[in-house]
Amino acid sequence: MPHDSLRIGLVSISDRASSGVYEDRGLPALEAWFTEVLANPVQLVSRLIPDEQPLIESTLVELADVEHCALILTTGGTGPAARDVTPEATLAVAHKVLPGFGEAMRAVSLQYVPTAILSRQIGVTRGASLILNLPGQPKAIKETLDGIFAAVPYCIDLIGGRVPCATSSTCACCGW
C-alpha cells in the first residue's frame, strides 16, 4: 500500500483542555514525536474532546471506519478517577484486545514513576486500525511511545493497515 496516504488519528481527551480552561499539551506532544521518528509522510487527524464516553466512542469509530486511520492514539482519561473513561470507550468499540500493549506501556512508565501502576492503558484493534491509550503527560507520552513503537508497524501490517516507516532504529526489530 502506498505510504503517502498513511493517516494517524490523535485524540486528546480532557474536560478542561477541551473547554479552554488550559491549553492542551497532549496533541502537540504526539505531533512532535511523530515528526521526529517517522520517515514517510503522514496525515495526522487530530481531535480534542472532553471525557465523555459516548463522544470518545464515536470519535474512535470515526477515525477508524471513516477516516481510515491505521493508528489511533489517545492521550488522557486512563487513570482511576470517576471521569477517566477512555479505556471503557476503547473497549466498547474494539474488535480484539491486545493485552501486551497495556502491559508494556505500564512497564515502560514504571521505570520513571511509581504511580504508573494506576494507569489503565490498553491496546485494541478495530478493523485495520490499531488503537492505543497513552498517558496524559507529554513526557510520559514520549517515554511510552519510545518504549513500544517497535511493535506498532508489525501489528498494523498483521491487521491489514498501512504501515508507518520509522527513521533510525525505532523499528529495527521488524525492518521498517
N, C-alpha and C. Protein backbone atom coordinates (compact mmCIF):
# COMPACT_ATOMS: atom_id res chain seq x y z
N MET A 1 0.84 -1.19 0.00
CA MET A 1 0.00 0.00 0.00
C MET A 1 0.88 1.25 0.00
N PRO A 2 0.49 2.28 -0.68
CA PRO A 2 1.32 3.48 -0.74
C PRO A 2 1.37 4.19 0.61
N HIS A 3 2.56 4.68 0.92
CA HIS A 3 2.76 5.34 2.20
C HIS A 3 2.23 6.78 2.22
N ASP A 4 2.04 7.38 1.04
CA ASP A 4 1.63 8.79 1.03
C ASP A 4 0.22 9.00 1.56
N SER A 5 -0.55 7.92 1.73
CA SER A 5 -1.91 8.09 2.23
C SER A 5 -2.05 7.64 3.69
N LEU A 6 -0.93 7.38 4.36
CA LEU A 6 -0.98 6.94 5.75
C LEU A 6 -1.63 8.01 6.62
N ARG A 7 -2.61 7.59 7.41
CA ARG A 7 -3.32 8.51 8.30
C ARG A 7 -3.20 8.00 9.73
N ILE A 8 -2.90 8.91 10.63
CA ILE A 8 -2.77 8.59 12.05
C ILE A 8 -3.73 9.49 12.83
N GLY A 9 -4.61 8.88 13.60
CA GLY A 9 -5.55 9.62 14.42
C GLY A 9 -4.97 9.92 15.79
N LEU A 10 -5.11 11.15 16.23
CA LEU A 10 -4.63 11.59 17.54
C LEU A 10 -5.81 12.19 18.30
N VAL A 11 -6.07 11.67 19.50
CA VAL A 11 -7.21 12.13 20.28
C VAL A 11 -6.75 12.51 21.68
N SER A 12 -6.85 13.78 22.01
CA SER A 12 -6.57 14.24 23.37
C SER A 12 -7.90 14.35 24.10
N ILE A 13 -7.97 13.67 25.24
CA ILE A 13 -9.23 13.58 25.98
C ILE A 13 -9.06 14.30 27.32
N SER A 14 -9.73 15.46 27.43
CA SER A 14 -9.60 16.28 28.63
C SER A 14 -10.78 17.23 28.73
N ASP A 15 -11.50 17.16 29.84
CA ASP A 15 -12.60 18.10 30.06
C ASP A 15 -12.10 19.54 30.05
N ARG A 16 -11.04 19.79 30.81
CA ARG A 16 -10.57 21.17 30.98
C ARG A 16 -9.92 21.73 29.72
N ALA A 17 -9.09 20.95 29.05
CA ALA A 17 -8.46 21.46 27.83
C ALA A 17 -9.49 21.67 26.72
N SER A 18 -10.44 20.75 26.61
CA SER A 18 -11.45 20.89 25.55
C SER A 18 -12.39 22.06 25.79
N SER A 19 -12.52 22.50 27.04
CA SER A 19 -13.38 23.66 27.34
C SER A 19 -12.58 24.96 27.43
N GLY A 20 -11.27 24.91 27.18
CA GLY A 20 -10.46 26.11 27.17
C GLY A 20 -9.94 26.57 28.51
N VAL A 21 -10.09 25.75 29.56
CA VAL A 21 -9.58 26.13 30.89
C VAL A 21 -8.06 26.21 30.87
N TYR A 22 -7.43 25.29 30.14
CA TYR A 22 -5.99 25.36 29.93
C TYR A 22 -5.67 24.81 28.54
N GLU A 23 -4.46 25.09 28.09
CA GLU A 23 -4.04 24.67 26.76
C GLU A 23 -3.71 23.18 26.75
N ASP A 24 -4.20 22.49 25.73
CA ASP A 24 -3.90 21.08 25.57
C ASP A 24 -2.42 20.90 25.26
N ARG A 25 -1.79 19.94 25.94
CA ARG A 25 -0.38 19.64 25.67
C ARG A 25 -0.21 18.24 25.10
N GLY A 26 -1.28 17.45 25.07
CA GLY A 26 -1.20 16.09 24.55
C GLY A 26 -1.00 16.03 23.05
N LEU A 27 -1.83 16.76 22.30
CA LEU A 27 -1.71 16.74 20.84
C LEU A 27 -0.37 17.27 20.37
N PRO A 28 0.12 18.41 20.90
CA PRO A 28 1.44 18.87 20.47
C PRO A 28 2.56 17.86 20.77
N ALA A 29 2.46 17.15 21.89
CA ALA A 29 3.47 16.15 22.24
C ALA A 29 3.44 14.99 21.25
N LEU A 30 2.25 14.54 20.89
CA LEU A 30 2.13 13.46 19.91
C LEU A 30 2.64 13.90 18.54
N GLU A 31 2.25 15.10 18.11
CA GLU A 31 2.69 15.61 16.82
C GLU A 31 4.20 15.74 16.76
N ALA A 32 4.81 16.23 17.83
CA ALA A 32 6.27 16.38 17.88
C ALA A 32 6.96 15.03 17.80
N TRP A 33 6.42 14.04 18.49
CA TRP A 33 7.04 12.71 18.48
C TRP A 33 7.02 12.13 17.07
N PHE A 34 5.88 12.22 16.38
CA PHE A 34 5.80 11.66 15.03
C PHE A 34 6.69 12.41 14.05
N THR A 35 6.81 13.71 14.20
CA THR A 35 7.69 14.49 13.34
C THR A 35 9.13 14.01 13.49
N GLU A 36 9.50 13.66 14.70
CA GLU A 36 10.86 13.22 14.99
C GLU A 36 11.16 11.82 14.47
N VAL A 37 10.22 10.89 14.54
CA VAL A 37 10.55 9.49 14.28
C VAL A 37 10.09 8.91 12.95
N LEU A 38 9.10 9.48 12.30
CA LEU A 38 8.60 8.86 11.08
C LEU A 38 9.34 9.36 9.84
N ALA A 39 9.68 8.41 8.98
CA ALA A 39 10.42 8.73 7.76
C ALA A 39 9.48 9.11 6.62
N ASN A 40 8.33 8.46 6.54
CA ASN A 40 7.41 8.72 5.44
C ASN A 40 6.39 9.79 5.83
N PRO A 41 5.85 10.48 4.83
CA PRO A 41 4.84 11.50 5.14
C PRO A 41 3.56 10.86 5.68
N VAL A 42 2.96 11.51 6.64
CA VAL A 42 1.70 11.04 7.22
C VAL A 42 0.73 12.20 7.31
N GLN A 43 -0.53 11.86 7.39
CA GLN A 43 -1.55 12.86 7.65
C GLN A 43 -2.06 12.61 9.06
N LEU A 44 -1.86 13.59 9.94
CA LEU A 44 -2.33 13.49 11.32
C LEU A 44 -3.74 14.05 11.39
N VAL A 45 -4.66 13.26 11.92
CA VAL A 45 -6.06 13.67 12.07
C VAL A 45 -6.30 13.83 13.56
N SER A 46 -6.36 15.08 14.03
CA SER A 46 -6.39 15.36 15.47
C SER A 46 -7.77 15.77 15.96
N ARG A 47 -8.06 15.36 17.20
CA ARG A 47 -9.31 15.72 17.87
C ARG A 47 -9.01 16.04 19.33
N LEU A 48 -9.65 17.06 19.86
CA LEU A 48 -9.58 17.42 21.28
C LEU A 48 -11.01 17.36 21.81
N ILE A 49 -11.25 16.41 22.72
CA ILE A 49 -12.62 16.17 23.18
C ILE A 49 -12.67 16.01 24.71
N PRO A 50 -13.85 16.21 25.30
CA PRO A 50 -13.99 16.01 26.75
C PRO A 50 -14.09 14.52 27.12
N ASP A 51 -14.00 14.25 28.41
CA ASP A 51 -14.09 12.89 28.95
C ASP A 51 -15.55 12.43 28.97
N GLU A 52 -16.11 12.21 27.82
CA GLU A 52 -17.50 11.74 27.68
C GLU A 52 -17.46 10.43 26.90
N GLN A 53 -17.81 9.33 27.54
CA GLN A 53 -17.66 8.02 26.90
C GLN A 53 -18.33 7.92 25.53
N PRO A 54 -19.59 8.35 25.35
CA PRO A 54 -20.19 8.24 24.01
C PRO A 54 -19.42 9.04 22.95
N LEU A 55 -18.90 10.20 23.31
CA LEU A 55 -18.14 11.01 22.37
C LEU A 55 -16.80 10.36 22.05
N ILE A 56 -16.15 9.80 23.05
CA ILE A 56 -14.88 9.09 22.81
C ILE A 56 -15.14 7.91 21.86
N GLU A 57 -16.18 7.14 22.14
CA GLU A 57 -16.52 6.00 21.29
C GLU A 57 -16.77 6.44 19.85
N SER A 58 -17.59 7.46 19.65
CA SER A 58 -17.92 7.90 18.29
C SER A 58 -16.70 8.47 17.58
N THR A 59 -15.81 9.13 18.32
CA THR A 59 -14.59 9.66 17.73
C THR A 59 -13.68 8.53 17.26
N LEU A 60 -13.52 7.51 18.08
CA LEU A 60 -12.68 6.37 17.70
C LEU A 60 -13.26 5.64 16.48
N VAL A 61 -14.57 5.47 16.45
CA VAL A 61 -15.22 4.82 15.31
C VAL A 61 -15.02 5.66 14.05
N GLU A 62 -15.20 6.97 14.17
CA GLU A 62 -15.00 7.86 13.01
C GLU A 62 -13.57 7.75 12.48
N LEU A 63 -12.58 7.81 13.37
CA LEU A 63 -11.19 7.76 12.93
C LEU A 63 -10.83 6.42 12.30
N ALA A 64 -11.39 5.34 12.82
CA ALA A 64 -11.11 4.01 12.26
C ALA A 64 -11.90 3.73 10.99
N ASP A 65 -13.21 3.94 11.04
CA ASP A 65 -14.09 3.49 9.96
C ASP A 65 -14.29 4.51 8.84
N VAL A 66 -14.24 5.79 9.16
CA VAL A 66 -14.49 6.84 8.17
C VAL A 66 -13.18 7.46 7.68
N GLU A 67 -12.32 7.83 8.62
CA GLU A 67 -11.04 8.46 8.27
C GLU A 67 -9.97 7.44 7.87
N HIS A 68 -10.20 6.17 8.16
CA HIS A 68 -9.29 5.07 7.82
C HIS A 68 -7.88 5.28 8.37
N CYS A 69 -7.80 5.65 9.63
CA CYS A 69 -6.51 5.81 10.29
C CYS A 69 -5.96 4.43 10.66
N ALA A 70 -4.74 4.14 10.25
CA ALA A 70 -4.11 2.85 10.56
C ALA A 70 -3.76 2.78 12.04
N LEU A 71 -3.44 3.91 12.62
CA LEU A 71 -3.06 4.00 14.03
C LEU A 71 -3.86 5.14 14.65
N ILE A 72 -4.43 4.87 15.82
CA ILE A 72 -5.17 5.90 16.57
C ILE A 72 -4.61 5.91 17.98
N LEU A 73 -4.11 7.05 18.40
CA LEU A 73 -3.55 7.20 19.74
C LEU A 73 -4.41 8.16 20.54
N THR A 74 -4.77 7.73 21.74
CA THR A 74 -5.47 8.62 22.65
C THR A 74 -4.52 9.02 23.75
N THR A 75 -4.73 10.18 24.32
CA THR A 75 -3.97 10.61 25.48
C THR A 75 -4.95 11.20 26.48
N GLY A 76 -4.82 10.76 27.73
CA GLY A 76 -5.70 11.24 28.79
C GLY A 76 -6.83 10.28 29.09
N GLY A 77 -7.34 10.37 30.31
CA GLY A 77 -8.50 9.60 30.72
C GLY A 77 -8.26 8.15 31.06
N THR A 78 -7.00 7.78 31.39
CA THR A 78 -6.70 6.38 31.68
C THR A 78 -6.47 6.09 33.16
N GLY A 79 -6.66 7.07 34.01
CA GLY A 79 -6.45 6.88 35.44
C GLY A 79 -7.67 6.31 36.13
N PRO A 80 -7.65 6.28 37.48
CA PRO A 80 -8.76 5.69 38.23
C PRO A 80 -9.87 6.67 38.62
N ALA A 81 -9.76 7.94 38.24
CA ALA A 81 -10.78 8.93 38.61
C ALA A 81 -12.11 8.61 37.93
N ALA A 82 -13.19 9.08 38.52
CA ALA A 82 -14.53 8.79 38.02
C ALA A 82 -14.72 9.20 36.56
N ARG A 83 -14.14 10.32 36.12
CA ARG A 83 -14.32 10.81 34.75
C ARG A 83 -13.34 10.17 33.77
N ASP A 84 -12.41 9.34 34.23
CA ASP A 84 -11.46 8.67 33.35
C ASP A 84 -12.12 7.45 32.72
N VAL A 85 -12.63 7.62 31.50
CA VAL A 85 -13.39 6.56 30.84
C VAL A 85 -12.82 6.16 29.48
N THR A 86 -11.60 6.59 29.18
CA THR A 86 -11.02 6.27 27.88
C THR A 86 -10.91 4.76 27.64
N PRO A 87 -10.41 3.96 28.60
CA PRO A 87 -10.33 2.52 28.34
C PRO A 87 -11.71 1.88 28.11
N GLU A 88 -12.71 2.30 28.86
CA GLU A 88 -14.05 1.76 28.68
C GLU A 88 -14.58 2.07 27.28
N ALA A 89 -14.37 3.30 26.82
CA ALA A 89 -14.82 3.69 25.49
C ALA A 89 -14.07 2.91 24.42
N THR A 90 -12.78 2.73 24.63
CA THR A 90 -11.96 1.99 23.66
C THR A 90 -12.41 0.54 23.58
N LEU A 91 -12.62 -0.09 24.72
CA LEU A 91 -13.08 -1.48 24.73
C LEU A 91 -14.45 -1.62 24.08
N ALA A 92 -15.30 -0.62 24.23
CA ALA A 92 -16.65 -0.68 23.66
C ALA A 92 -16.64 -0.73 22.13
N VAL A 93 -15.60 -0.19 21.50
CA VAL A 93 -15.55 -0.18 20.03
C VAL A 93 -14.53 -1.17 19.48
N ALA A 94 -13.87 -1.92 20.35
CA ALA A 94 -12.80 -2.84 19.94
C ALA A 94 -13.33 -4.09 19.26
N HIS A 95 -12.54 -4.59 18.32
CA HIS A 95 -12.79 -5.90 17.75
C HIS A 95 -11.94 -6.96 18.46
N LYS A 96 -10.69 -6.61 18.77
CA LYS A 96 -9.80 -7.51 19.52
C LYS A 96 -9.00 -6.70 20.53
N VAL A 97 -8.78 -7.29 21.69
CA VAL A 97 -7.96 -6.67 22.73
C VAL A 97 -6.55 -7.24 22.63
N LEU A 98 -5.55 -6.37 22.74
CA LEU A 98 -4.14 -6.76 22.70
C LEU A 98 -3.51 -6.44 24.05
N PRO A 99 -3.63 -7.33 25.04
CA PRO A 99 -3.18 -7.04 26.41
C PRO A 99 -1.70 -6.67 26.51
N GLY A 100 -0.88 -7.19 25.61
CA GLY A 100 0.55 -6.91 25.68
C GLY A 100 0.88 -5.43 25.59
N PHE A 101 0.10 -4.67 24.83
CA PHE A 101 0.37 -3.24 24.73
C PHE A 101 0.18 -2.54 26.07
N GLY A 102 -0.91 -2.82 26.75
CA GLY A 102 -1.14 -2.21 28.06
C GLY A 102 -0.06 -2.60 29.06
N GLU A 103 0.29 -3.88 29.06
CA GLU A 103 1.34 -4.37 29.96
C GLU A 103 2.66 -3.67 29.68
N ALA A 104 3.02 -3.57 28.39
CA ALA A 104 4.28 -2.94 28.02
C ALA A 104 4.29 -1.45 28.35
N MET A 105 3.17 -0.77 28.10
CA MET A 105 3.12 0.67 28.39
C MET A 105 3.29 0.93 29.88
N ARG A 106 2.64 0.12 30.71
CA ARG A 106 2.81 0.28 32.16
C ARG A 106 4.23 -0.06 32.59
N ALA A 107 4.83 -1.08 32.01
CA ALA A 107 6.20 -1.46 32.36
C ALA A 107 7.17 -0.32 32.03
N VAL A 108 6.99 0.29 30.86
CA VAL A 108 7.83 1.43 30.49
C VAL A 108 7.64 2.57 31.49
N SER A 109 6.40 2.92 31.75
CA SER A 109 6.11 4.05 32.64
C SER A 109 6.59 3.82 34.07
N LEU A 110 6.55 2.57 34.53
CA LEU A 110 7.00 2.26 35.89
C LEU A 110 8.50 2.50 36.07
N GLN A 111 9.24 2.55 34.99
CA GLN A 111 10.67 2.87 35.07
C GLN A 111 10.88 4.33 35.48
N TYR A 112 9.87 5.16 35.27
CA TYR A 112 10.00 6.59 35.51
C TYR A 112 9.19 7.09 36.70
N VAL A 113 8.04 6.47 36.95
CA VAL A 113 7.15 6.98 38.01
C VAL A 113 6.37 5.81 38.64
N PRO A 114 6.41 5.69 39.96
CA PRO A 114 5.74 4.56 40.60
C PRO A 114 4.21 4.59 40.48
N THR A 115 3.64 5.75 40.27
CA THR A 115 2.18 5.83 40.16
C THR A 115 1.66 5.31 38.82
N ALA A 116 2.55 4.90 37.93
CA ALA A 116 2.12 4.32 36.65
C ALA A 116 1.29 3.06 36.86
N ILE A 117 1.42 2.46 38.02
CA ILE A 117 0.64 1.26 38.33
C ILE A 117 -0.87 1.56 38.32
N LEU A 118 -1.23 2.83 38.47
CA LEU A 118 -2.64 3.24 38.46
C LEU A 118 -3.21 3.37 37.06
N SER A 119 -2.35 3.32 36.05
CA SER A 119 -2.79 3.51 34.68
C SER A 119 -3.58 2.30 34.17
N ARG A 120 -4.58 2.61 33.35
CA ARG A 120 -5.41 1.56 32.76
C ARG A 120 -5.26 1.57 31.24
N GLN A 121 -4.07 1.86 30.76
CA GLN A 121 -3.82 1.91 29.32
C GLN A 121 -4.09 0.56 28.68
N ILE A 122 -4.63 0.61 27.46
CA ILE A 122 -4.90 -0.62 26.72
C ILE A 122 -4.58 -0.43 25.25
N GLY A 123 -4.50 -1.55 24.55
CA GLY A 123 -4.35 -1.56 23.10
C GLY A 123 -5.39 -2.49 22.52
N VAL A 124 -6.01 -2.06 21.42
CA VAL A 124 -7.05 -2.86 20.76
C VAL A 124 -6.95 -2.68 19.25
N THR A 125 -7.65 -3.55 18.54
CA THR A 125 -7.83 -3.33 17.11
C THR A 125 -9.30 -3.08 16.84
N ARG A 126 -9.52 -2.33 15.79
CA ARG A 126 -10.86 -2.15 15.22
C ARG A 126 -10.65 -2.21 13.72
N GLY A 127 -11.05 -3.30 13.09
CA GLY A 127 -10.78 -3.47 11.67
C GLY A 127 -9.29 -3.41 11.41
N ALA A 128 -8.87 -2.55 10.49
CA ALA A 128 -7.46 -2.40 10.14
C ALA A 128 -6.80 -1.27 10.92
N SER A 129 -7.37 -0.89 12.05
CA SER A 129 -6.82 0.19 12.88
C SER A 129 -6.34 -0.37 14.21
N LEU A 130 -5.18 0.11 14.65
CA LEU A 130 -4.66 -0.17 15.98
C LEU A 130 -4.95 1.05 16.84
N ILE A 131 -5.58 0.85 17.99
CA ILE A 131 -5.92 1.94 18.91
C ILE A 131 -5.16 1.72 20.20
N LEU A 132 -4.39 2.74 20.62
CA LEU A 132 -3.61 2.67 21.85
C LEU A 132 -3.97 3.83 22.76
N ASN A 133 -4.20 3.54 24.02
CA ASN A 133 -4.45 4.57 25.03
C ASN A 133 -3.14 4.90 25.71
N LEU A 134 -2.67 6.12 25.54
CA LEU A 134 -1.40 6.58 26.11
C LEU A 134 -1.64 7.40 27.37
N PRO A 135 -0.58 7.63 28.16
CA PRO A 135 -0.73 8.52 29.32
C PRO A 135 -1.00 9.95 28.87
N GLY A 136 -1.32 10.81 29.82
CA GLY A 136 -1.70 12.18 29.50
C GLY A 136 -0.60 13.21 29.52
N GLN A 137 0.50 12.94 30.19
CA GLN A 137 1.58 13.92 30.31
C GLN A 137 2.54 13.84 29.12
N PRO A 138 2.96 14.97 28.54
CA PRO A 138 3.85 14.95 27.38
C PRO A 138 5.12 14.12 27.57
N LYS A 139 5.76 14.23 28.71
CA LYS A 139 6.98 13.45 28.96
C LYS A 139 6.66 11.96 28.93
N ALA A 140 5.56 11.57 29.56
CA ALA A 140 5.16 10.16 29.60
C ALA A 140 4.73 9.66 28.22
N ILE A 141 4.14 10.52 27.41
CA ILE A 141 3.77 10.14 26.05
C ILE A 141 5.01 9.73 25.28
N LYS A 142 6.03 10.57 25.31
CA LYS A 142 7.29 10.28 24.60
C LYS A 142 7.94 9.02 25.12
N GLU A 143 8.06 8.89 26.43
CA GLU A 143 8.70 7.71 27.01
C GLU A 143 7.96 6.43 26.61
N THR A 144 6.65 6.48 26.65
CA THR A 144 5.85 5.31 26.31
C THR A 144 5.99 4.95 24.84
N LEU A 145 5.85 5.94 23.96
CA LEU A 145 5.99 5.66 22.53
C LEU A 145 7.38 5.15 22.19
N ASP A 146 8.40 5.74 22.79
CA ASP A 146 9.77 5.26 22.56
C ASP A 146 9.89 3.79 22.95
N GLY A 147 9.20 3.39 24.01
CA GLY A 147 9.31 2.04 24.52
C GLY A 147 8.51 0.98 23.78
N ILE A 148 7.44 1.37 23.11
CA ILE A 148 6.56 0.36 22.49
C ILE A 148 6.48 0.42 20.97
N PHE A 149 6.95 1.50 20.36
CA PHE A 149 6.64 1.72 18.95
C PHE A 149 7.22 0.66 18.02
N ALA A 150 8.28 -0.03 18.42
CA ALA A 150 8.87 -1.05 17.54
C ALA A 150 7.85 -2.12 17.15
N ALA A 151 6.87 -2.38 18.00
CA ALA A 151 5.86 -3.41 17.70
C ALA A 151 4.69 -2.87 16.87
N VAL A 152 4.56 -1.56 16.77
CA VAL A 152 3.39 -0.97 16.12
C VAL A 152 3.31 -1.26 14.62
N PRO A 153 4.36 -1.02 13.83
CA PRO A 153 4.23 -1.30 12.39
C PRO A 153 3.90 -2.76 12.08
N TYR A 154 4.51 -3.68 12.82
CA TYR A 154 4.24 -5.10 12.59
C TYR A 154 2.78 -5.43 12.90
N CYS A 155 2.26 -4.90 13.98
CA CYS A 155 0.86 -5.12 14.34
C CYS A 155 -0.06 -4.57 13.27
N ILE A 156 0.21 -3.35 12.83
CA ILE A 156 -0.63 -2.73 11.80
C ILE A 156 -0.59 -3.55 10.51
N ASP A 157 0.59 -4.05 10.16
CA ASP A 157 0.72 -4.90 8.98
C ASP A 157 -0.13 -6.16 9.13
N LEU A 158 -0.09 -6.79 10.29
CA LEU A 158 -0.84 -8.03 10.52
C LEU A 158 -2.36 -7.83 10.42
N ILE A 159 -2.85 -6.65 10.81
CA ILE A 159 -4.30 -6.42 10.76
C ILE A 159 -4.74 -5.78 9.44
N GLY A 160 -3.79 -5.57 8.52
CA GLY A 160 -4.13 -5.08 7.19
C GLY A 160 -4.13 -3.59 7.02
N GLY A 161 -3.52 -2.87 7.95
CA GLY A 161 -3.46 -1.41 7.84
C GLY A 161 -2.22 -0.94 7.09
N ARG A 162 -2.15 0.35 6.86
CA ARG A 162 -0.99 0.96 6.22
C ARG A 162 0.10 1.14 7.27
N VAL A 163 1.31 0.76 6.92
CA VAL A 163 2.39 0.70 7.89
C VAL A 163 3.21 1.99 7.91
N PRO A 164 3.42 2.57 9.12
CA PRO A 164 4.30 3.74 9.25
C PRO A 164 5.76 3.30 9.26
N CYS A 165 6.60 3.93 8.46
CA CYS A 165 8.03 3.62 8.46
C CYS A 165 8.76 4.61 9.35
N ALA A 166 9.58 4.08 10.23
CA ALA A 166 10.30 4.92 11.18
C ALA A 166 11.71 5.20 10.70
N THR A 167 12.29 6.25 11.23
CA THR A 167 13.68 6.56 10.96
C THR A 167 14.55 5.82 11.96
N SER A 168 15.83 5.83 11.75
CA SER A 168 16.85 5.26 12.63
C SER A 168 16.49 3.85 13.07
N SER A 169 16.63 3.57 14.36
CA SER A 169 16.45 2.20 14.83
C SER A 169 15.11 1.97 15.51
N THR A 170 14.17 2.89 15.36
CA THR A 170 12.90 2.73 16.06
C THR A 170 12.24 1.40 15.73
N CYS A 171 12.30 0.99 14.49
CA CYS A 171 11.66 -0.26 14.09
C CYS A 171 12.67 -1.28 13.59
N ALA A 172 13.86 -1.30 14.19
CA ALA A 172 14.90 -2.22 13.75
C ALA A 172 14.46 -3.68 13.86
N CYS A 173 13.58 -3.99 14.82
CA CYS A 173 13.18 -5.39 15.02
C CYS A 173 12.38 -5.94 13.86
N CYS A 174 11.70 -5.09 13.12
CA CYS A 174 10.85 -5.60 12.05
C CYS A 174 11.32 -5.15 10.67
N GLY A 175 12.39 -4.37 10.61
CA GLY A 175 12.95 -3.99 9.33
C GLY A 175 12.33 -2.76 8.69
N TRP A 176 11.34 -2.14 9.36
CA TRP A 176 10.74 -0.94 8.79
C TRP A 176 11.42 0.29 9.31
